[in-house]
N, C-alpha and C. Protein backbone atom coordinates (compact mmCIF):
# COMPACT_ATOMS: atom_id res chain seq x y z
N UNK A 1 -15.12 14.02 -5.34
CA UNK A 1 -13.98 13.51 -6.10
C UNK A 1 -14.09 11.99 -6.21
N UNK A 2 -13.84 11.48 -7.41
CA UNK A 2 -13.93 10.03 -7.64
C UNK A 2 -12.61 9.36 -7.31
N UNK A 3 -12.70 8.05 -6.98
CA UNK A 3 -11.49 7.28 -6.73
C UNK A 3 -10.80 6.98 -8.06
N UNK A 4 -9.51 6.67 -8.00
CA UNK A 4 -8.71 6.35 -9.18
C UNK A 4 -8.78 4.84 -9.41
N UNK A 5 -9.61 4.41 -10.35
CA UNK A 5 -9.81 2.98 -10.61
C UNK A 5 -8.58 2.31 -11.21
N UNK A 6 -7.57 3.09 -11.61
CA UNK A 6 -6.37 2.48 -12.18
C UNK A 6 -5.39 2.01 -11.10
N UNK A 7 -5.62 2.39 -9.85
CA UNK A 7 -4.72 1.96 -8.77
C UNK A 7 -4.96 0.50 -8.42
N UNK A 8 -3.89 -0.25 -8.14
CA UNK A 8 -4.07 -1.65 -7.75
C UNK A 8 -4.75 -1.75 -6.38
N UNK A 9 -5.43 -2.86 -6.17
CA UNK A 9 -6.14 -3.10 -4.91
C UNK A 9 -5.37 -4.15 -4.11
N UNK A 10 -5.23 -3.89 -2.83
CA UNK A 10 -4.57 -4.81 -1.91
C UNK A 10 -5.57 -5.15 -0.81
N UNK A 11 -5.71 -6.44 -0.50
CA UNK A 11 -6.65 -6.89 0.52
C UNK A 11 -5.89 -7.34 1.76
N UNK A 12 -6.31 -6.83 2.90
CA UNK A 12 -5.75 -7.26 4.18
C UNK A 12 -6.80 -8.05 4.94
N UNK A 13 -6.58 -9.36 5.18
CA UNK A 13 -7.54 -10.17 5.93
C UNK A 13 -7.28 -10.08 7.44
N UNK A 14 -6.57 -9.03 7.85
CA UNK A 14 -6.19 -8.83 9.25
C UNK A 14 -6.09 -7.34 9.50
N UNK A 15 -6.17 -6.92 10.76
CA UNK A 15 -5.91 -5.53 11.09
C UNK A 15 -4.42 -5.28 10.92
N UNK A 16 -4.08 -4.16 10.33
CA UNK A 16 -2.68 -3.81 10.09
C UNK A 16 -2.28 -2.71 11.07
N UNK A 17 -1.31 -2.98 11.93
CA UNK A 17 -0.86 -1.98 12.89
C UNK A 17 0.13 -1.06 12.21
N UNK A 18 -0.16 0.23 12.27
CA UNK A 18 0.70 1.26 11.69
C UNK A 18 0.98 2.25 12.80
N UNK A 19 2.19 2.19 13.34
CA UNK A 19 2.51 3.02 14.50
C UNK A 19 1.66 2.59 15.68
N UNK A 20 0.91 3.51 16.24
CA UNK A 20 0.01 3.20 17.36
C UNK A 20 -1.41 2.93 16.89
N UNK A 21 -1.67 3.11 15.59
CA UNK A 21 -3.02 2.96 15.04
C UNK A 21 -3.16 1.63 14.31
N UNK A 22 -4.41 1.27 14.03
CA UNK A 22 -4.71 0.05 13.28
C UNK A 22 -5.56 0.40 12.07
N UNK A 23 -5.22 -0.22 10.93
CA UNK A 23 -6.04 -0.11 9.73
C UNK A 23 -6.90 -1.36 9.68
N UNK A 24 -8.23 -1.21 9.55
CA UNK A 24 -9.11 -2.38 9.63
C UNK A 24 -8.97 -3.33 8.44
N UNK A 25 -9.45 -4.54 8.64
CA UNK A 25 -9.56 -5.53 7.57
C UNK A 25 -10.27 -4.87 6.40
N UNK A 26 -9.81 -5.12 5.17
CA UNK A 26 -10.52 -4.54 4.03
C UNK A 26 -9.70 -4.53 2.76
N UNK A 27 -10.31 -3.92 1.75
CA UNK A 27 -9.71 -3.76 0.43
C UNK A 27 -9.26 -2.31 0.31
N UNK A 28 -8.03 -2.11 -0.14
CA UNK A 28 -7.46 -0.77 -0.23
C UNK A 28 -6.81 -0.58 -1.58
N UNK A 29 -7.06 0.58 -2.20
CA UNK A 29 -6.26 0.96 -3.35
C UNK A 29 -4.95 1.48 -2.80
N UNK A 30 -3.86 1.18 -3.48
CA UNK A 30 -2.53 1.55 -2.98
C UNK A 30 -1.80 2.37 -4.04
N UNK A 31 -1.15 3.43 -3.57
CA UNK A 31 -0.42 4.31 -4.47
C UNK A 31 0.94 4.61 -3.86
N UNK A 32 2.00 4.42 -4.62
CA UNK A 32 3.34 4.79 -4.18
C UNK A 32 3.69 6.15 -4.75
N UNK A 33 4.23 7.01 -3.91
CA UNK A 33 4.65 8.33 -4.38
C UNK A 33 5.70 8.91 -3.44
N UNK A 34 6.28 10.03 -3.86
CA UNK A 34 7.27 10.73 -3.04
C UNK A 34 6.57 11.87 -2.32
N UNK A 35 6.80 11.96 -1.01
CA UNK A 35 6.28 13.05 -0.19
C UNK A 35 7.47 13.63 0.56
N UNK A 36 7.78 14.88 0.28
CA UNK A 36 8.94 15.55 0.91
C UNK A 36 10.22 14.72 0.74
N UNK A 37 10.41 14.13 -0.45
CA UNK A 37 11.61 13.37 -0.75
C UNK A 37 11.62 11.94 -0.23
N UNK A 38 10.59 11.54 0.51
CA UNK A 38 10.48 10.19 1.09
C UNK A 38 9.48 9.38 0.27
N UNK A 39 9.83 8.15 -0.09
CA UNK A 39 8.90 7.26 -0.78
C UNK A 39 7.91 6.72 0.23
N UNK A 40 6.62 6.78 -0.11
CA UNK A 40 5.57 6.29 0.79
C UNK A 40 4.54 5.50 -0.01
N UNK A 41 3.81 4.64 0.70
CA UNK A 41 2.60 4.03 0.18
C UNK A 41 1.43 4.74 0.83
N UNK A 42 0.44 5.10 0.01
CA UNK A 42 -0.80 5.66 0.52
C UNK A 42 -1.90 4.64 0.25
N UNK A 43 -2.73 4.40 1.24
CA UNK A 43 -3.82 3.44 1.15
C UNK A 43 -5.15 4.19 1.13
N UNK A 44 -5.99 3.87 0.15
CA UNK A 44 -7.26 4.57 -0.02
C UNK A 44 -8.43 3.60 0.00
N UNK A 45 -9.55 4.07 0.53
CA UNK A 45 -10.85 3.43 0.32
C UNK A 45 -11.70 4.52 -0.30
N UNK A 46 -12.09 4.30 -1.57
CA UNK A 46 -12.74 5.37 -2.32
C UNK A 46 -11.75 6.50 -2.48
N UNK A 47 -12.17 7.72 -2.17
CA UNK A 47 -11.25 8.86 -2.29
C UNK A 47 -10.69 9.27 -0.93
N UNK A 48 -10.87 8.44 0.09
CA UNK A 48 -10.40 8.76 1.43
C UNK A 48 -9.06 8.06 1.69
N UNK A 49 -8.05 8.86 2.02
CA UNK A 49 -6.75 8.29 2.38
C UNK A 49 -6.86 7.73 3.79
N UNK A 50 -6.66 6.42 3.91
CA UNK A 50 -6.81 5.73 5.19
C UNK A 50 -5.50 5.67 5.97
N UNK A 51 -4.37 5.61 5.25
CA UNK A 51 -3.07 5.51 5.92
C UNK A 51 -1.97 5.86 4.94
N UNK A 52 -0.83 6.21 5.50
CA UNK A 52 0.38 6.46 4.73
C UNK A 52 1.54 5.86 5.51
N UNK A 53 2.35 5.05 4.82
CA UNK A 53 3.49 4.42 5.49
C UNK A 53 4.75 4.61 4.66
N UNK A 54 5.92 4.67 5.31
CA UNK A 54 7.17 4.76 4.57
C UNK A 54 7.39 3.51 3.73
N UNK A 55 8.02 3.69 2.58
CA UNK A 55 8.30 2.57 1.68
C UNK A 55 9.74 2.68 1.19
N UNK A 56 10.27 1.60 0.69
CA UNK A 56 11.61 1.59 0.10
C UNK A 56 11.47 1.43 -1.40
N UNK A 57 11.96 2.39 -2.14
CA UNK A 57 11.88 2.34 -3.60
C UNK A 57 12.90 1.34 -4.12
N UNK A 58 12.47 0.49 -5.06
CA UNK A 58 13.37 -0.47 -5.69
C UNK A 58 13.24 -0.35 -7.20
N UNK A 59 14.09 -1.04 -7.90
CA UNK A 59 14.01 -1.08 -9.36
C UNK A 59 13.62 -2.48 -9.83
N UNK A 60 13.11 -3.29 -8.93
CA UNK A 60 12.65 -4.64 -9.25
C UNK A 60 11.21 -4.55 -9.73
N UNK A 61 11.02 -4.46 -11.03
CA UNK A 61 9.69 -4.31 -11.63
C UNK A 61 9.16 -5.62 -12.18
N UNK A 62 9.70 -6.74 -11.72
CA UNK A 62 9.22 -8.06 -12.10
C UNK A 62 9.21 -8.26 -13.61
N UNK A 63 10.13 -7.58 -14.33
CA UNK A 63 10.20 -7.70 -15.77
C UNK A 63 9.08 -6.99 -16.52
N UNK A 64 8.33 -6.15 -15.82
CA UNK A 64 7.20 -5.44 -16.42
C UNK A 64 7.58 -3.99 -16.69
N UNK A 65 6.98 -3.39 -17.73
CA UNK A 65 7.20 -1.97 -18.00
C UNK A 65 6.51 -1.11 -16.95
N UNK A 66 5.33 -1.55 -16.52
CA UNK A 66 4.53 -0.82 -15.53
C UNK A 66 4.01 -1.81 -14.51
N UNK A 67 4.06 -1.43 -13.25
CA UNK A 67 3.50 -2.27 -12.19
C UNK A 67 2.03 -1.89 -12.02
N UNK A 68 1.16 -2.84 -12.25
CA UNK A 68 -0.29 -2.59 -12.14
C UNK A 68 -0.93 -3.54 -11.13
N UNK A 69 -0.12 -4.06 -10.23
CA UNK A 69 -0.63 -4.98 -9.22
C UNK A 69 0.08 -4.71 -7.91
N UNK A 70 -0.47 -5.24 -6.84
CA UNK A 70 0.20 -5.17 -5.54
C UNK A 70 -0.08 -6.46 -4.80
N UNK A 71 0.81 -6.81 -3.88
CA UNK A 71 0.61 -8.00 -3.06
C UNK A 71 1.37 -7.81 -1.76
N UNK A 72 1.06 -8.64 -0.80
CA UNK A 72 1.80 -8.63 0.46
C UNK A 72 2.22 -10.05 0.76
N UNK A 73 3.30 -10.18 1.55
CA UNK A 73 3.72 -11.50 2.00
C UNK A 73 4.21 -11.38 3.44
N UNK A 74 3.96 -12.41 4.21
CA UNK A 74 4.36 -12.42 5.62
C UNK A 74 5.88 -12.41 5.74
N UNK A 75 6.36 -11.67 6.71
CA UNK A 75 7.78 -11.61 7.06
C UNK A 75 7.88 -11.94 8.54
N UNK A 76 7.68 -13.19 8.89
CA UNK A 76 7.63 -13.58 10.29
C UNK A 76 6.21 -13.44 10.82
N UNK A 77 6.08 -13.40 12.13
CA UNK A 77 4.75 -13.35 12.75
C UNK A 77 4.18 -11.94 12.86
N UNK A 78 5.03 -10.91 12.81
CA UNK A 78 4.55 -9.57 13.11
C UNK A 78 4.81 -8.53 12.03
N UNK A 79 5.27 -8.94 10.86
CA UNK A 79 5.56 -7.99 9.79
C UNK A 79 5.11 -8.54 8.45
N UNK A 80 4.83 -7.60 7.52
CA UNK A 80 4.54 -7.98 6.14
C UNK A 80 5.40 -7.15 5.21
N UNK A 81 5.62 -7.67 4.02
CA UNK A 81 6.32 -6.96 2.95
C UNK A 81 5.28 -6.67 1.88
N UNK A 82 5.21 -5.41 1.43
CA UNK A 82 4.24 -5.02 0.40
C UNK A 82 4.98 -4.79 -0.89
């Protein structure tokens, strides 16, 4: 199965702690979707799902019809906002 090249890429220059696990430094395609009624972000390298984290759905689309990018920003020393 091929990866979805239309998904935005997010780069983490640090290990990302998710629960008790760590996602390594790297480039990840990111996809937001609903799983069992919960909004989540799924992180992929190629066609391999590397992690899934809960997300909060918003209607802030930055004035765009479609969101085709992703970014992160620091929220203090131990958290990020995606």
